[in-house]
Amino acid sequence: MLMPSEDVRIVYRKFDGGLHWHLSGVHLGEDEYGVWVGCPAGTVGQRGEEPPVTWDGPFVICFPRDAWWTALFNAPPHRTEIYCDISTVPEWRYGEVAEVTEVTMVDLDLDVLLRFCAYPFLHVAPDYEHLARPEDYEPVPGWLAEDYPALFSSPALSDRLRLYSIAYDVRELLAMPPQAPLRQLSRYHALNRLMSTVETGGHLRSVLPEPAQY
């Protein structure tokens, strides 16, 4: 049982078990959404074995008891108000490591994986675009679904992934607005990707495995 103001060690891992983001916070309380942990301004964290970073502003993280996500809420004037991760269900370990309560989960990044499988040539240097062919990555989501079906069993998964895809393209558009009329843009430009996702589901139609496959 967590006590108010109790220290909590937060450990995100990658799908292969490797260390991802890890930091410490303070237990704030629990409600119908999950367990809330606060991190004051000046919190120090680290991604894997990279050099530590210090966050200037405070933030809180919600860890649901039985859902496949975590949500981070930043205080103004941070440019990102809310950041959500697709993850395994957070697992709590009470005093197992150095007598400190730890919450750990695997950051799955399913939307990132599916986007790469659909548009691999957009994520490599121009000299290698001709080698990054979508057909070569077509079976990858199915393999993952076969070996790890729970990742694809979340309620309304398609709708959630579509929302993440929209958020990704909107962020890119804000950072790099179109410099030409729509008719002159590549079909893979963020604006066209966004329109396709909203209207028809975009790349998810081709890369998201059917339930029957897993």
C-alpha atoms as a PDB file:
ATOM      1  CA  MET A   1       0.000   0.000   0.000  1.00  0.00           C
ATOM      2  CA  LEU A   2       1.394   3.373  -0.995  1.00  0.00           C
ATOM      3  CA  MET A   3       1.438   6.153   1.565  1.00  0.00           C
ATOM      4  CA  PRO A   4       1.055   9.865   0.768  1.00  0.00           C
ATOM      5  CA  SER A   5       4.380  11.539  -0.122  1.00  0.00           C
ATOM      6  CA  GLU A   6       6.104   8.169  -0.392  1.00  0.00           C
ATOM      7  CA  ASP A   7       9.013   8.076  -2.859  1.00  0.00           C
ATOM      8  CA  VAL A   8       8.370   6.141  -6.062  1.00  0.00           C
ATOM      9  CA  ARG A   9      10.952   4.933  -8.529  1.00  0.00           C
ATOM     10  CA  ILE A  10       9.607   5.135 -12.115  1.00  0.00           C
ATOM     11  CA  VAL A  11      11.185   2.754 -14.631  1.00  0.00           C
ATOM     12  CA  TYR A  12      10.178   2.503 -18.283  1.00  0.00           C
ATOM     13  CA  ARG A  13      11.706  -0.318 -20.297  1.00  0.00           C
ATOM     14  CA  LYS A  14      11.753  -1.055 -24.009  1.00  0.00           C
ATOM     15  CA  PHE A  15      10.126  -4.103 -25.590  1.00  0.00           C
ATOM     16  CA  ASP A  16      13.371  -6.107 -25.352  1.00  0.00           C
ATOM     17  CA  GLY A  17      13.703  -5.346 -21.625  1.00  0.00           C
ATOM     18  CA  GLY A  18      16.351  -2.680 -22.086  1.00  0.00           C
ATOM     19  CA  LEU A  19      16.279   0.319 -19.787  1.00  0.00           C
ATOM     20  CA  HIS A  20      14.399   3.371 -21.119  1.00  0.00           C
ATOM     21  CA  TRP A  21      13.378   6.464 -19.119  1.00  0.00           C
ATOM     22  CA  HIS A  22      13.866   6.182 -15.355  1.00  0.00           C
ATOM     23  CA  LEU A  23      13.376   8.799 -12.640  1.00  0.00           C
ATOM     24  CA  SER A  24      11.941   9.318  -9.173  1.00  0.00           C
ATOM     25  CA  GLY A  25       8.752  10.982  -7.974  1.00  0.00           C
ATOM     26  CA  VAL A  26       6.413  11.271  -5.017  1.00  0.00           C
ATOM     27  CA  HIS A  27       3.126   9.438  -4.548  1.00  0.00           C
ATOM     28  CA  LEU A  28       0.243  11.928  -4.600  1.00  0.00           C
ATOM     29  CA  GLY A  29      -2.791   9.692  -4.340  1.00  0.00           C
ATOM     30  CA  GLU A  30      -5.100   7.379  -6.243  1.00  0.00           C
ATOM     31  CA  ASP A  31      -8.504   7.764  -7.909  1.00  0.00           C
ATOM     32  CA  GLU A  32     -10.615   6.019 -10.539  1.00  0.00           C
ATOM     33  CA  TYR A  33      -8.008   6.789 -13.215  1.00  0.00           C
ATOM     34  CA  GLY A  34      -5.058   5.258 -11.416  1.00  0.00           C
ATOM     35  CA  VAL A  35      -2.114   6.116  -9.196  1.00  0.00           C
ATOM     36  CA  TRP A  36      -0.731   9.657  -9.437  1.00  0.00           C
ATOM     37  CA  VAL A  37       2.954  10.426  -8.963  1.00  0.00           C
ATOM     38  CA  GLY A  38       4.339  13.970  -8.860  1.00  0.00           C
ATOM     39  CA  CYS A  39       7.738  15.174 -10.013  1.00  0.00           C
ATOM     40  CA  PRO A  40       8.748  18.680  -8.876  1.00  0.00           C
ATOM     41  CA  ALA A  41      10.750  21.174 -10.908  1.00  0.00           C
ATOM     42  CA  GLY A  42      14.380  20.114 -10.944  1.00  0.00           C
ATOM     43  CA  THR A  43      13.608  16.391 -11.219  1.00  0.00           C
ATOM     44  CA  VAL A  44      16.499  14.493 -12.764  1.00  0.00           C
ATOM     45  CA  GLY A  45      15.851  11.600 -15.129  1.00  0.00           C
ATOM     46  CA  GLN A  46      17.772   9.466 -17.570  1.00  0.00           C
ATOM     47  CA  ARG A  47      16.967   7.649 -20.808  1.00  0.00           C
ATOM     48  CA  GLY A  48      18.783   4.341 -20.757  1.00  0.00           C
ATOM     49  CA  GLU A  49      22.475   4.986 -20.238  1.00  0.00           C
ATOM     50  CA  GLU A  50      22.372   8.467 -21.763  1.00  0.00           C
ATOM     51  CA  PRO A  51      23.523  11.480 -19.694  1.00  0.00           C
ATOM     52  CA  PRO A  52      20.975  12.598 -17.056  1.00  0.00           C
ATOM     53  CA  VAL A  53      18.625  15.458 -17.872  1.00  0.00           C
ATOM     54  CA  THR A  54      16.931  17.945 -15.531  1.00  0.00           C
ATOM     55  CA  TRP A  55      13.353  19.090 -16.111  1.00  0.00           C
ATOM     56  CA  ASP A  56      12.772  22.761 -15.354  1.00  0.00           C
ATOM     57  CA  GLY A  57       9.038  22.463 -14.696  1.00  0.00           C
ATOM     58  CA  PRO A  58       6.922  20.155 -12.523  1.00  0.00           C
ATOM     59  CA  PHE A  59       4.778  17.352 -13.911  1.00  0.00           C
ATOM     60  CA  VAL A  60       2.547  14.513 -12.750  1.00  0.00           C
ATOM     61  CA  ILE A  61       2.157  11.017 -14.175  1.00  0.00           C
ATOM     62  CA  CYS A  62      -0.940   8.825 -14.012  1.00  0.00           C
ATOM     63  CA  PHE A  63      -0.389   5.059 -13.848  1.00  0.00           C
ATOM     64  CA  PRO A  64      -3.650   3.157 -14.431  1.00  0.00           C
ATOM     65  CA  ARG A  65      -4.181  -0.059 -12.516  1.00  0.00           C
ATOM     66  CA  ASP A  66      -5.373  -2.160 -15.453  1.00  0.00           C
ATOM     67  CA  ALA A  67      -4.847  -0.273 -18.721  1.00  0.00           C
ATOM     68  CA  TRP A  68      -2.154  -0.258 -21.375  1.00  0.00           C
ATOM     69  CA  TRP A  69      -0.973   3.352 -21.138  1.00  0.00           C
ATOM     70  CA  THR A  70       0.526   6.021 -18.924  1.00  0.00           C
ATOM     71  CA  ALA A  71      -0.199   9.754 -19.084  1.00  0.00           C
ATOM     72  CA  LEU A  72       2.118  12.637 -18.210  1.00  0.00           C
ATOM     73  CA  PHE A  73       0.764  16.129 -17.501  1.00  0.00           C
ATOM     74  CA  ASN A  74       3.162  19.083 -17.723  1.00  0.00           C
ATOM     75  CA  ALA A  75       2.686  22.443 -16.045  1.00  0.00           C
ATOM     76  CA  PRO A  76       2.708  25.633 -18.180  1.00  0.00           C
ATOM     77  CA  PRO A  77       4.616  26.934 -20.035  1.00  0.00           C
ATOM     78  CA  HIS A  78       5.815  23.521 -21.257  1.00  0.00           C
ATOM     79  CA  ARG A  79       5.070  23.164 -24.980  1.00  0.00           C
ATOM     80  CA  THR A  80       3.452  19.735 -24.433  1.00  0.00           C
ATOM     81  CA  GLU A  81       0.559  19.749 -21.982  1.00  0.00           C
ATOM     82  CA  ILE A  82      -0.221  16.018 -22.085  1.00  0.00           C
ATOM     83  CA  TYR A  83       1.948  13.131 -23.266  1.00  0.00           C
ATOM     84  CA  CYS A  84       0.632   9.562 -23.410  1.00  0.00           C
ATOM     85  CA  ASP A  85       2.609   6.360 -23.874  1.00  0.00           C
ATOM     86  CA  ILE A  86       1.306   3.014 -25.040  1.00  0.00           C
ATOM     87  CA  SER A  87       2.765   0.601 -22.528  1.00  0.00           C
ATOM     88  CA  THR A  88       2.169  -2.649 -20.757  1.00  0.00           C
ATOM     89  CA  VAL A  89      -0.003  -2.403 -17.646  1.00  0.00           C
ATOM     90  CA  PRO A  90       2.115  -0.680 -14.952  1.00  0.00           C
ATOM     91  CA  GLU A  91       3.513  -3.186 -12.465  1.00  0.00           C
ATOM     92  CA  TRP A  92       4.092  -2.147  -8.863  1.00  0.00           C
ATOM     93  CA  ARG A  93       6.876  -3.560  -6.736  1.00  0.00           C
ATOM     94  CA  TYR A  94       6.699  -2.583  -3.099  1.00  0.00           C
ATOM     95  CA  GLY A  95      10.110  -2.382  -1.442  1.00  0.00           C
ATOM     96  CA  GLU A  96      11.671  -5.088  -3.607  1.00  0.00           C
ATOM     97  CA  VAL A  97      14.562  -2.868  -4.758  1.00  0.00           C
ATOM     98  CA  ALA A  98      16.462  -0.932  -2.067  1.00  0.00           C
ATOM     99  CA  GLU A  99      13.230  -0.741  -0.047  1.00  0.00           C
ATOM    100  CA  VAL A 100      11.833   1.807  -2.532  1.00  0.00           C
ATOM    101  CA  THR A 101       8.459   1.365  -4.213  1.00  0.00           C
ATOM    102  CA  GLU A 102       8.936   0.971  -7.952  1.00  0.00           C
ATOM    103  CA  VAL A 103       6.490   1.153 -10.853  1.00  0.00           C
ATOM    104  CA  THR A 104       7.684  -0.342 -14.108  1.00  0.00           C
ATOM    105  CA  MET A 105       6.204  -0.910 -17.557  1.00  0.00           C
ATOM    106  CA  VAL A 106       7.304  -1.546 -21.136  1.00  0.00           C
ATOM    107  CA  ASP A 107       7.046   1.385 -23.555  1.00  0.00           C
ATOM    108  CA  LEU A 108       5.608  -0.299 -26.638  1.00  0.00           C
ATOM    109  CA  ASP A 109       5.433   2.549 -29.176  1.00  0.00           C
ATOM    110  CA  LEU A 110       3.053   0.545 -31.361  1.00  0.00           C
ATOM    111  CA  ASP A 111       1.998   3.586 -33.395  1.00  0.00           C
ATOM    112  CA  VAL A 112       5.642   4.383 -34.184  1.00  0.00           C
ATOM    113  CA  LEU A 113       6.299   0.820 -35.332  1.00  0.00           C
ATOM    114  CA  LEU A 114       3.226   0.705 -37.579  1.00  0.00           C
ATOM    115  CA  ARG A 115       4.047   4.074 -39.125  1.00  0.00           C
ATOM    116  CA  PHE A 116       7.574   2.926 -39.918  1.00  0.00           C
ATOM    117  CA  CYS A 117       6.273  -0.267 -41.529  1.00  0.00           C
ATOM    118  CA  ALA A 118       3.945   1.781 -43.737  1.00  0.00           C
ATOM    119  CA  TYR A 119       6.430   4.514 -44.658  1.00  0.00           C
ATOM    120  CA  PRO A 120       9.957   3.147 -44.085  1.00  0.00           C
ATOM    121  CA  PHE A 121      11.405   5.410 -46.789  1.00  0.00           C
ATOM    122  CA  LEU A 122      10.383   8.499 -44.800  1.00  0.00           C
ATOM    123  CA  HIS A 123      12.601   7.496 -41.887  1.00  0.00           C
ATOM    124  CA  VAL A 124      15.935   6.956 -43.630  1.00  0.00           C
ATOM    125  CA  ALA A 125      18.470   9.184 -45.362  1.00  0.00           C
ATOM    126  CA  PRO A 126      17.603  10.064 -49.008  1.00  0.00           C
ATOM    127  CA  ASP A 127      20.387   7.820 -50.348  1.00  0.00           C
ATOM    128  CA  TYR A 128      18.675   4.795 -48.774  1.00  0.00           C
ATOM    129  CA  GLU A 129      15.052   5.534 -49.631  1.00  0.00           C
ATOM    130  CA  HIS A 130      15.054   3.076 -52.532  1.00  0.00           C
ATOM    131  CA  LEU A 131      16.114   0.308 -50.138  1.00  0.00           C
ATOM    132  CA  ALA A 132      13.361   0.979 -47.572  1.00  0.00           C
ATOM    133  CA  ARG A 133      10.414  -0.737 -49.223  1.00  0.00           C
ATOM    134  CA  PRO A 134       7.031  -1.097 -47.465  1.00  0.00           C
ATOM    135  CA  GLU A 135       6.567  -4.602 -48.850  1.00  0.00           C
ATOM    136  CA  ASP A 136       9.638  -5.760 -46.947  1.00  0.00           C
ATOM    137  CA  TYR A 137       8.040  -4.675 -43.658  1.00  0.00           C
ATOM    138  CA  GLU A 138       4.518  -5.866 -44.432  1.00  0.00           C
ATOM    139  CA  PRO A 139       4.710  -9.053 -42.281  1.00  0.00           C
ATOM    140  CA  VAL A 140       6.269  -7.360 -39.236  1.00  0.00           C
ATOM    141  CA  PRO A 141       3.022  -6.244 -37.484  1.00  0.00           C
ATOM    142  CA  GLY A 142       1.571  -9.719 -37.967  1.00  0.00           C
ATOM    143  CA  TRP A 143       4.653 -11.330 -36.423  1.00  0.00           C
ATOM    144  CA  LEU A 144       4.395  -9.029 -33.418  1.00  0.00           C
ATOM    145  CA  ALA A 145       0.674  -9.718 -33.042  1.00  0.00           C
ATOM    146  CA  GLU A 146       1.293 -13.460 -33.183  1.00  0.00           C
ATOM    147  CA  ASP A 147       3.980 -13.383 -30.498  1.00  0.00           C
ATOM    148  CA  TYR A 148       2.409 -10.706 -28.309  1.00  0.00           C
ATOM    149  CA  PRO A 149      -1.381 -10.664 -28.920  1.00  0.00           C
ATOM    150  CA  ALA A 150      -2.105  -8.702 -25.738  1.00  0.00           C
ATOM    151  CA  LEU A 151      -0.527  -5.652 -27.367  1.00  0.00           C
ATOM    152  CA  PHE A 152      -3.295  -5.689 -29.969  1.00  0.00           C
ATOM    153  CA  SER A 153      -6.188  -6.536 -27.636  1.00  0.00           C
ATOM    154  CA  SER A 154      -6.792  -3.083 -26.138  1.00  0.00           C
ATOM    155  CA  PRO A 155     -10.360  -1.753 -26.517  1.00  0.00           C
ATOM    156  CA  ALA A 156     -10.913   0.478 -29.568  1.00  0.00           C
ATOM    157  CA  LEU A 157      -7.308  -0.082 -30.638  1.00  0.00           C
ATOM    158  CA  SER A 158      -7.879   1.140 -34.201  1.00  0.00           C
ATOM    159  CA  ASP A 159      -9.496   4.375 -33.018  1.00  0.00           C
ATOM    160  CA  ARG A 160      -6.725   5.001 -30.512  1.00  0.00           C
ATOM    161  CA  LEU A 161      -4.000   4.419 -33.089  1.00  0.00           C
ATOM    162  CA  ARG A 162      -5.777   6.742 -35.505  1.00  0.00           C
ATOM    163  CA  LEU A 163      -5.783   9.432 -32.822  1.00  0.00           C
ATOM    164  CA  TYR A 164      -2.057   8.960 -32.207  1.00  0.00           C
ATOM    165  CA  SER A 165      -1.410   9.166 -35.952  1.00  0.00           C
ATOM    166  CA  ILE A 166      -3.370  12.416 -36.174  1.00  0.00           C
ATOM    167  CA  ALA A 167      -1.421  13.872 -33.256  1.00  0.00           C
ATOM    168  CA  TYR A 168       1.883  12.904 -34.919  1.00  0.00           C
ATOM    169  CA  ASP A 169       1.009  14.569 -38.226  1.00  0.00           C
ATOM    170  CA  VAL A 170      -0.438  17.685 -36.591  1.00  0.00           C
ATOM    171  CA  ARG A 171       2.777  18.122 -34.617  1.00  0.00           C
ATOM    172  CA  GLU A 172       4.836  17.809 -37.814  1.00  0.00           C
ATOM    173  CA  LEU A 173       2.609  20.339 -39.597  1.00  0.00           C
ATOM    174  CA  LEU A 174       3.006  22.841 -36.767  1.00  0.00           C
ATOM    175  CA  ALA A 175       6.764  22.439 -36.867  1.00  0.00           C
ATOM    176  CA  MET A 176       7.021  22.481 -40.676  1.00  0.00           C
ATOM    177  CA  PRO A 177       3.960  24.139 -42.320  1.00  0.00           C
ATOM    178  CA  PRO A 178       3.362  23.403 -46.032  1.00  0.00           C
ATOM    179  CA  GLN A 179       5.342  25.601 -48.387  1.00  0.00           C
ATOM    180  CA  ALA A 180       3.226  24.851 -51.468  1.00  0.00           C
ATOM    181  CA  PRO A 181      -0.450  24.400 -52.423  1.00  0.00           C
ATOM    182  CA  LEU A 182      -2.028  21.083 -51.511  1.00  0.00           C
ATOM    183  CA  ARG A 183      -2.063  19.819 -55.095  1.00  0.00           C
ATOM    184  CA  GLN A 184       1.714  20.232 -55.266  1.00  0.00           C
ATOM    185  CA  LEU A 185       2.490  18.354 -52.080  1.00  0.00           C
ATOM    186  CA  SER A 186       3.749  14.787 -52.035  1.00  0.00           C
ATOM    187  CA  ARG A 187       1.143  12.166 -51.215  1.00  0.00           C
ATOM    188  CA  TYR A 188       3.312  11.384 -48.191  1.00  0.00           C
ATOM    189  CA  HIS A 189       3.391  14.964 -46.897  1.00  0.00           C
ATOM    190  CA  ALA A 190       2.062  15.288 -43.353  1.00  0.00           C
ATOM    191  CA  LEU A 191      -1.004  17.199 -44.576  1.00  0.00           C
ATOM    192  CA  ASN A 192      -1.976  14.477 -47.020  1.00  0.00           C
ATOM    193  CA  ARG A 193      -1.263  11.789 -44.448  1.00  0.00           C
ATOM    194  CA  LEU A 194      -3.480  13.625 -41.980  1.00  0.00           C
ATOM    195  CA  MET A 195      -6.330  13.926 -44.464  1.00  0.00           C
ATOM    196  CA  SER A 196      -6.046  10.250 -45.354  1.00  0.00           C
ATOM    197  CA  THR A 197      -6.100   9.203 -41.693  1.00  0.00           C
ATOM    198  CA  VAL A 198      -9.166  11.303 -40.907  1.00  0.00           C
ATOM    199  CA  GLU A 199     -11.088  10.245 -44.005  1.00  0.00           C
ATOM    200  CA  THR A 200     -10.210   6.574 -44.406  1.00  0.00           C
ATOM    201  CA  GLY A 201      -7.863   5.467 -41.619  1.00  0.00           C
ATOM    202  CA  GLY A 202      -4.699   6.113 -43.633  1.00  0.00           C
ATOM    203  CA  HIS A 203      -1.804   3.698 -43.337  1.00  0.00           C
ATOM    204  CA  LEU A 204      -3.494   1.781 -40.512  1.00  0.00           C
ATOM    205  CA  ARG A 205      -5.762   0.100 -43.045  1.00  0.00           C
ATOM    206  CA  SER A 206      -2.804  -1.758 -44.528  1.00  0.00           C
ATOM    207  CA  VAL A 207      -0.508  -2.367 -41.559  1.00  0.00           C
ATOM    208  CA  LEU A 208      -2.837  -3.095 -38.614  1.00  0.00           C
ATOM    209  CA  PRO A 209      -3.268  -6.889 -38.428  1.00  0.00           C
ATOM    210  CA  GLU A 210      -6.757  -8.335 -38.559  1.00  0.00           C
ATOM    211  CA  PRO A 211      -7.851 -10.027 -35.292  1.00  0.00           C
ATOM    212  CA  ALA A 212      -8.068 -13.347 -37.129  1.00  0.00           C
ATOM    213  CA  GLN A 213      -4.306 -13.231 -37.699  1.00  0.00           C
ATOM    214  CA  TYR A 214      -3.562 -13.459 -33.987  1.00  0.00           C
END
